[in-house]
PDB file of N, CA and C in Angstrom:
ATOM      1  N   MET A   1     -26.358 -12.930  21.749  1.00  0.00           N
ATOM      2  CA  MET A   1     -26.488 -11.806  20.641  1.00  0.00           C
ATOM      3  C   MET A   1     -26.836 -12.914  19.406  1.00  0.00           C
ATOM      4  N   ASN A   2     -27.867 -12.417  18.654  1.00  0.00           N
ATOM      5  CA  ASN A   2     -28.454 -13.100  17.367  1.00  0.00           C
ATOM      6  C   ASN A   2     -27.681 -12.425  16.386  1.00  0.00           C
ATOM      7  N   PHE A   3     -27.668 -13.307  15.421  1.00  0.00           N
ATOM      8  CA  PHE A   3     -26.977 -12.484  14.098  1.00  0.00           C
ATOM      9  C   PHE A   3     -27.397 -13.520  12.870  1.00  0.00           C
ATOM     10  N   THR A   4     -28.220 -12.794  12.113  1.00  0.00           N
ATOM     11  CA  THR A   4     -28.788 -13.438  10.775  1.00  0.00           C
ATOM     12  C   THR A   4     -27.781 -12.722   9.731  1.00  0.00           C
ATOM     13  N   VAL A   5     -27.587 -14.055   8.910  1.00  0.00           N
ATOM     14  CA  VAL A   5     -26.864 -13.863   7.759  1.00  0.00           C
ATOM     15  C   VAL A   5     -27.666 -14.289   6.597  1.00  0.00           C
ATOM     16  N   VAL A   6     -28.010 -13.150   5.298  1.00  0.00           N
ATOM     17  CA  VAL A   6     -28.667 -13.592   4.359  1.00  0.00           C
ATOM     18  C   VAL A   6     -27.702 -13.434   3.163  1.00  0.00           C
ATOM     19  N   ASN A   7     -27.505 -14.722   2.616  1.00  0.00           N
ATOM     20  CA  ASN A   7     -26.757 -14.597   1.342  1.00  0.00           C
ATOM     21  C   ASN A   7     -27.174 -14.266  -0.088  1.00  0.00           C
ATOM     22  N   ARG A   8     -27.196 -13.156  -0.642  1.00  0.00           N
ATOM     23  CA  ARG A   8     -27.518 -13.008  -1.746  1.00  0.00           C
ATOM     24  C   ARG A   8     -26.469 -12.899  -3.004  1.00  0.00           C
ATOM     25  N   GLU A   9     -26.745 -12.402  -3.971  1.00  0.00           N
ATOM     26  CA  GLU A   9     -25.662 -12.309  -5.119  1.00  0.00           C
ATOM     27  C   GLU A   9     -24.991 -10.750  -4.912  1.00  0.00           C
ATOM     28  N   ILE A  10     -23.698 -11.029  -5.229  1.00  0.00           N
ATOM     29  CA  ILE A  10     -23.045  -9.686  -4.889  1.00  0.00           C
ATOM     30  C   ILE A  10     -22.312  -9.568  -6.384  1.00  0.00           C
ATOM     31  N   TYR A  11     -21.986  -8.091  -6.611  1.00  0.00           N
ATOM     32  CA  TYR A  11     -21.144  -8.025  -8.036  1.00  0.00           C
ATOM     33  C   TYR A  11     -20.431  -6.834  -7.557  1.00  0.00           C
ATOM     34  N   VAL A  12     -18.861  -7.013  -7.449  1.00  0.00           N
ATOM     35  CA  VAL A  12     -17.953  -6.008  -7.548  1.00  0.00           C
ATOM     36  C   VAL A  12     -17.216  -6.141  -8.678  1.00  0.00           C
ATOM     37  N   GLY A  13     -17.216  -4.668  -9.170  1.00  0.00           N
ATOM     38  CA  GLY A  13     -16.670  -4.107 -10.515  1.00  0.00           C
ATOM     39  C   GLY A  13     -15.204  -3.882 -10.559  1.00  0.00           C
ATOM     40  N   ASN A  14     -14.772  -3.481  -9.473  1.00  0.00           N
ATOM     41  CA  ASN A  14     -13.393  -2.902  -9.661  1.00  0.00           C
ATOM     42  C   ASN A  14     -12.937  -2.643  -7.777  1.00  0.00           C
ATOM     43  N   ILE A  15     -11.839  -2.907  -7.321  1.00  0.00           N
ATOM     44  CA  ILE A  15     -11.108  -3.089  -6.246  1.00  0.00           C
ATOM     45  C   ILE A  15      -9.663  -2.542  -6.511  1.00  0.00           C
ATOM     46  N   LYS A  16      -9.133  -1.518  -5.874  1.00  0.00           N
ATOM     47  CA  LYS A  16      -7.831  -0.930  -6.243  1.00  0.00           C
ATOM     48  C   LYS A  16      -7.293  -0.937  -4.522  1.00  0.00           C
ATOM     49  N   VAL A  17      -6.293  -1.651  -4.478  1.00  0.00           N
ATOM     50  CA  VAL A  17      -5.648  -2.100  -3.136  1.00  0.00           C
ATOM     51  C   VAL A  17      -4.486  -1.465  -3.165  1.00  0.00           C
ATOM     52  N   THR A  18      -3.990  -0.078  -2.810  1.00  0.00           N
ATOM     53  CA  THR A  18      -3.025   0.564  -2.737  1.00  0.00           C
ATOM     54  C   THR A  18      -1.572   0.224  -1.999  1.00  0.00           C
ATOM     55  N   GLY A  19      -1.967  -0.438  -0.860  1.00  0.00           N
ATOM     56  CA  GLY A  19      -1.066  -1.072   0.176  1.00  0.00           C
ATOM     57  C   GLY A  19      -1.487  -1.824   1.014  1.00  0.00           C
ATOM     58  N   VAL A  20      -0.651  -2.861   1.753  1.00  0.00           N
ATOM     59  CA  VAL A  20      -0.666  -3.326   2.992  1.00  0.00           C
ATOM     60  C   VAL A  20       0.049  -3.009   3.954  1.00  0.00           C
ATOM     61  N   ALA A  21      -0.252  -2.673   5.127  1.00  0.00           N
ATOM     62  CA  ALA A  21       0.999  -2.706   6.038  1.00  0.00           C
ATOM     63  C   ALA A  21       1.076  -3.829   7.076  1.00  0.00           C
ATOM     64  N   THR A  22      -0.177  -4.284   7.416  1.00  0.00           N
ATOM     65  CA  THR A  22       0.167  -5.331   8.222  1.00  0.00           C
ATOM     66  C   THR A  22      -0.390  -7.103   7.715  1.00  0.00           C
ATOM     67  N   SER A  23      -0.519  -7.732   8.466  1.00  0.00           N
ATOM     68  CA  SER A  23      -1.442  -9.003   8.176  1.00  0.00           C
ATOM     69  C   SER A  23      -2.626  -8.534   7.925  1.00  0.00           C
ATOM     70  N   SER A  24      -3.650  -9.101   6.900  1.00  0.00           N
ATOM     71  CA  SER A  24      -4.648  -8.878   6.736  1.00  0.00           C
ATOM     72  C   SER A  24      -5.430  -9.676   5.947  1.00  0.00           C
ATOM     73  N   VAL A  25      -6.876  -9.654   5.994  1.00  0.00           N
ATOM     74  CA  VAL A  25      -7.377 -10.623   5.000  1.00  0.00           C
ATOM     75  C   VAL A  25      -8.422  -9.564   4.052  1.00  0.00           C
ATOM     76  N   PHE A  26      -8.513  -9.698   2.933  1.00  0.00           N
ATOM     77  CA  PHE A  26      -9.773  -8.963   2.103  1.00  0.00           C
ATOM     78  C   PHE A  26     -10.368  -9.787   1.720  1.00  0.00           C
ATOM     79  N   LEU A  27     -11.620  -9.732   2.083  1.00  0.00           N
ATOM     80  CA  LEU A  27     -12.662 -11.050   1.569  1.00  0.00           C
ATOM     81  C   LEU A  27     -13.973 -10.414   0.951  1.00  0.00           C
ATOM     82  N   ILE A  28     -14.174 -10.647  -0.171  1.00  0.00           N
ATOM     83  CA  ILE A  28     -15.718 -10.350  -0.707  1.00  0.00           C
ATOM     84  C   ILE A  28     -16.227 -11.573  -1.310  1.00  0.00           C
ATOM     85  N   GLY A  29     -17.659 -11.673  -0.342  1.00  0.00           N
ATOM     86  CA  GLY A  29     -18.560 -12.989  -0.529  1.00  0.00           C
ATOM     87  C   GLY A  29     -18.325 -13.965   0.021  1.00  0.00           C
ATOM     88  N   ASP A  30     -18.325 -15.120   0.013  1.00  0.00           N
ATOM     89  CA  ASP A  30     -18.446 -16.609   0.881  1.00  0.00           C
ATOM     90  C   ASP A  30     -17.195 -17.115   0.506  1.00  0.00           C
ATOM     91  N   SER A  31     -16.560 -17.913   1.464  1.00  0.00           N
ATOM     92  CA  SER A  31     -15.415 -18.641   1.623  1.00  0.00           C
ATOM     93  C   SER A  31     -15.521 -19.801   2.191  1.00  0.00           C
ATOM     94  N   GLU A  32     -15.152 -20.924   1.606  1.00  0.00           N
ATOM     95  CA  GLU A  32     -15.051 -22.048   2.457  1.00  0.00           C
ATOM     96  C   GLU A  32     -13.976 -22.529   2.740  1.00  0.00           C
ATOM     97  N   VAL A  33     -12.756 -21.932   2.449  1.00  0.00           N
ATOM     98  CA  VAL A  33     -11.380 -22.295   3.230  1.00  0.00           C
ATOM     99  C   VAL A  33     -10.604 -20.916   3.103  1.00  0.00           C
ATOM    100  N   ILE A  34      -9.984 -20.597   4.187  1.00  0.00           N
ATOM    101  CA  ILE A  34      -8.896 -19.478   3.777  1.00  0.00           C
ATOM    102  C   ILE A  34      -7.557 -20.018   4.281  1.00  0.00           C
ATOM    103  N   THR A  35      -6.749 -19.888   3.335  1.00  0.00           N
ATOM    104  CA  THR A  35      -5.185 -20.544   3.837  1.00  0.00           C
ATOM    105  C   THR A  35      -4.219 -19.508   4.214  1.00  0.00           C
ATOM    106  N   CYS A  36      -3.538 -19.151   5.335  1.00  0.00           N
ATOM    107  CA  CYS A  36      -2.472 -18.319   5.460  1.00  0.00           C
ATOM    108  C   CYS A  36      -1.478 -18.762   4.966  1.00  0.00           C
ATOM    109  N   SER A  37      -0.595 -17.658   4.449  1.00  0.00           N
ATOM    110  CA  SER A  37       0.705 -17.970   4.052  1.00  0.00           C
ATOM    111  C   SER A  37       1.709 -16.494   4.526  1.00  0.00           C
ATOM    112  N   SER A  38       2.886 -16.738   4.235  1.00  0.00           N
ATOM    113  CA  SER A  38       3.872 -15.897   4.546  1.00  0.00           C
ATOM    114  C   SER A  38       4.970 -15.837   3.563  1.00  0.00           C
ATOM    115  N   THR A  39       5.263 -14.199   2.944  1.00  0.00           N
ATOM    116  CA  THR A  39       6.612 -14.186   1.938  1.00  0.00           C
ATOM    117  C   THR A  39       7.198 -13.118   2.946  1.00  0.00           C
ATOM    118  N   PHE A  40       8.651 -12.969   2.297  1.00  0.00           N
ATOM    119  CA  PHE A  40       9.443 -12.053   2.892  1.00  0.00           C
ATOM    120  C   PHE A  40       9.810 -11.011   1.595  1.00  0.00           C
ATOM    121  N   ASP A  41       9.970  -9.670   1.828  1.00  0.00           N
ATOM    122  CA  ASP A  41      10.193  -8.704   0.694  1.00  0.00           C
ATOM    123  C   ASP A  41      11.247  -8.238   1.122  1.00  0.00           C
ATOM    124  N   THR A  42      12.479  -8.663   1.697  1.00  0.00           N
ATOM    125  CA  THR A  42      13.820  -8.576   2.026  1.00  0.00           C
ATOM    126  C   THR A  42      14.455  -8.132   0.525  1.00  0.00           C
ATOM    127  N   PRO A  43      15.063  -6.887   0.322  1.00  0.00           N
ATOM    128  CA  PRO A  43      15.901  -6.811  -0.532  1.00  0.00           C
ATOM    129  C   PRO A  43      17.189  -7.747  -0.872  1.00  0.00           C
ATOM    130  N   PRO A  44      17.637  -8.257  -1.979  1.00  0.00           N
ATOM    131  CA  PRO A  44      18.788  -8.910  -1.927  1.00  0.00           C
ATOM    132  C   PRO A  44      19.999  -8.411  -1.413  1.00  0.00           C
ATOM    133  N   GLU A  45      20.218  -6.798  -1.527  1.00  0.00           N
ATOM    134  CA  GLU A  45      21.492  -6.266  -0.955  1.00  0.00           C
ATOM    135  C   GLU A  45      21.447  -6.542   0.557  1.00  0.00           C
ATOM    136  N   SER A  46      20.196  -6.597   1.006  1.00  0.00           N
ATOM    137  CA  SER A  46      20.153  -6.442   2.589  1.00  0.00           C
ATOM    138  C   SER A  46      20.888  -8.236   3.161  1.00  0.00           C
ATOM    139  N   LEU A  47      20.567  -9.263   2.243  1.00  0.00           N
ATOM    140  CA  LEU A  47      21.041 -10.377   2.491  1.00  0.00           C
ATOM    141  C   LEU A  47      22.538 -10.552   2.847  1.00  0.00           C
ATOM    142  N   VAL A  48      22.777 -10.855   4.060  1.00  0.00           N
ATOM    143  CA  VAL A  48      24.527 -11.197   4.254  1.00  0.00           C
ATOM    144  C   VAL A  48      24.758 -12.694   4.281  1.00  0.00           C
ATOM    145  N   ILE A  49      25.751 -13.098   3.558  1.00  0.00           N
ATOM    146  CA  ILE A  49      26.333 -14.297   3.498  1.00  0.00           C
ATOM    147  C   ILE A  49      27.700 -14.267   3.686  1.00  0.00           C
ATOM    148  N   GLY A  50      28.040 -15.010   4.825  1.00  0.00           N
ATOM    149  CA  GLY A  50      29.585 -15.341   5.313  1.00  0.00           C
ATOM    150  C   GLY A  50      29.605 -16.494   5.877  1.00  0.00           C
ATOM    151  N   ALA A  51      30.967 -16.642   6.519  1.00  0.00           N
ATOM    152  CA  ALA A  51      31.208 -17.730   7.518  1.00  0.00           C
ATOM    153  C   ALA A  51      30.478 -17.621   8.396  1.00  0.00           C
ATOM    154  N   ILE A  52      29.858 -18.920   8.821  1.00  0.00           N
ATOM    155  CA  ILE A  52      29.535 -19.183  10.176  1.00  0.00           C
ATOM    156  C   ILE A  52      30.227 -19.347  11.590  1.00  0.00           C
ATOM    157  N   THR A  53      29.862 -18.620  12.382  1.00  0.00           N
ATOM    158  CA  THR A  53      30.706 -18.654  13.601  1.00  0.00           C
ATOM    159  C   THR A  53      30.077 -19.299  14.687  1.00  0.00           C
ATOM    160  N   PRO A  54      31.082 -20.355  14.910  1.00  0.00           N
ATOM    161  CA  PRO A  54      30.431 -21.416  15.887  1.00  0.00           C
ATOM    162  C   PRO A  54      30.131 -20.897  17.305  1.00  0.00           C
ATOM    163  N   LEU A  55      29.059 -20.934  17.899  1.00  0.00           N
ATOM    164  CA  LEU A  55      28.905 -20.781  19.428  1.00  0.00           C
ATOM    165  C   LEU A  55      30.045 -21.347  20.060  1.00  0.00           C
ATOM    166  N   PRO A  56      30.376 -21.188  21.117  1.00  0.00           N
ATOM    167  CA  PRO A  56      31.568 -21.996  22.086  1.00  0.00           C
ATOM    168  C   PRO A  56      30.374 -22.766  22.864  1.00  0.00           C
ATOM    169  N   GLY A  57      31.045 -24.116  22.909  1.00  0.00           N
ATOM    170  CA  GLY A  57      30.118 -25.171  23.827  1.00  0.00           C
ATOM    171  C   GLY A  57      30.377 -24.882  25.171  1.00  0.00           C
ATOM    172  N   GLU A  58      29.847 -25.965  25.864  1.00  0.00           N
ATOM    173  CA  GLU A  58      29.895 -25.692  27.691  1.00  0.00           C
ATOM    174  C   GLU A  58      31.323 -26.080  27.877  1.00  0.00           C
ATOM    175  N   ASP A  59      32.365 -26.782  27.150  1.00  0.00           N
ATOM    176  CA  ASP A  59      33.311 -27.133  27.803  1.00  0.00           C
ATOM    177  C   ASP A  59      34.660 -26.117  27.548  1.00  0.00           C
ATOM    178  N   GLU A  60      34.269 -25.317  26.327  1.00  0.00           N
ATOM    179  CA  GLU A  60      34.750 -24.054  25.604  1.00  0.00           C
ATOM    180  C   GLU A  60      34.835 -22.829  26.893  1.00  0.00           C
ATOM    181  N   LYS A  61      33.196 -22.834  27.199  1.00  0.00           N
ATOM    182  CA  LYS A  61      33.165 -21.435  28.198  1.00  0.00           C
ATOM    183  C   LYS A  61      33.894 -21.631  29.420  1.00  0.00           C
ATOM    184  N   ASP A  62      33.570 -23.269  30.034  1.00  0.00           N
ATOM    185  CA  ASP A  62      34.362 -23.341  31.147  1.00  0.00           C
ATOM    186  C   ASP A  62      35.794 -23.112  31.152  1.00  0.00           C
ATOM    187  N   ALA A  63      36.549 -23.801  29.997  1.00  0.00           N
ATOM    188  CA  ALA A  63      37.953 -23.169  29.678  1.00  0.00           C
ATOM    189  C   ALA A  63      38.005 -21.745  29.880  1.00  0.00           C
ATOM    190  N   ASP A  64      37.178 -20.954  29.215  1.00  0.00           N
ATOM    191  CA  ASP A  64      37.179 -19.782  28.887  1.00  0.00           C
ATOM    192  C   ASP A  64      37.574 -18.900  30.501  1.00  0.00           C
ATOM    193  N   ASP A  65      36.206 -19.492  31.653  1.00  0.00           N
ATOM    194  CA  ASP A  65      36.177 -18.973  32.562  1.00  0.00           C
ATOM    195  C   ASP A  65      37.352 -19.225  33.572  1.00  0.00           C
ATOM    196  N   LYS A  66      38.392 -20.280  33.369  1.00  0.00           N
ATOM    197  CA  LYS A  66      39.377 -20.654  34.322  1.00  0.00           C
ATOM    198  C   LYS A  66      40.248 -19.792  33.730  1.00  0.00           C
ATOM    199  N   ASP A  67      40.476 -19.421  32.266  1.00  0.00           N
ATOM    200  CA  ASP A  67      41.457 -18.629  31.813  1.00  0.00           C
ATOM    201  C   ASP A  67      41.369 -17.429  32.224  1.00  0.00           C
ATOM    202  N   ALA A  68      40.124 -16.597  32.713  1.00  0.00           N
ATOM    203  CA  ALA A  68      40.024 -15.382  33.227  1.00  0.00           C
ATOM    204  C   ALA A  68      39.806 -15.204  34.700  1.00  0.00           C
ATOM    205  N   GLY A  69      40.140 -16.620  35.312  1.00  0.00           N
ATOM    206  CA  GLY A  69      40.117 -16.805  36.543  1.00  0.00           C
ATOM    207  C   GLY A  69      39.053 -16.670  37.304  1.00  0.00           C
ATOM    208  N   LYS A  70      37.868 -16.926  36.770  1.00  0.00           N
ATOM    209  CA  LYS A  70      36.680 -17.244  37.064  1.00  0.00           C
ATOM    210  C   LYS A  70      36.178 -18.728  37.374  1.00  0.00           C
ATOM    211  N   GLU A  71      35.908 -19.260  38.507  1.00  0.00           N
ATOM    212  CA  GLU A  71      35.671 -20.719  38.876  1.00  0.00           C
ATOM    213  C   GLU A  71      34.393 -20.806  39.531  1.00  0.00           C
TER     214      GLU A  71
END
């Protein structure tokens, strides 16, 4: 496949983006570097902060299995 690019001047007067549903790049013109980044838009009321429940270690799992009759 042959691909020829001819760079000329470009003028963009106005752009209106009403929403982005997935990851995307909106690019007009040339770019030497594109940097990817990420942010979360989770509302504060959905963040749950509470006591951290420790996961049982291997020793505790073995003890629980013996208590339940599993060996």
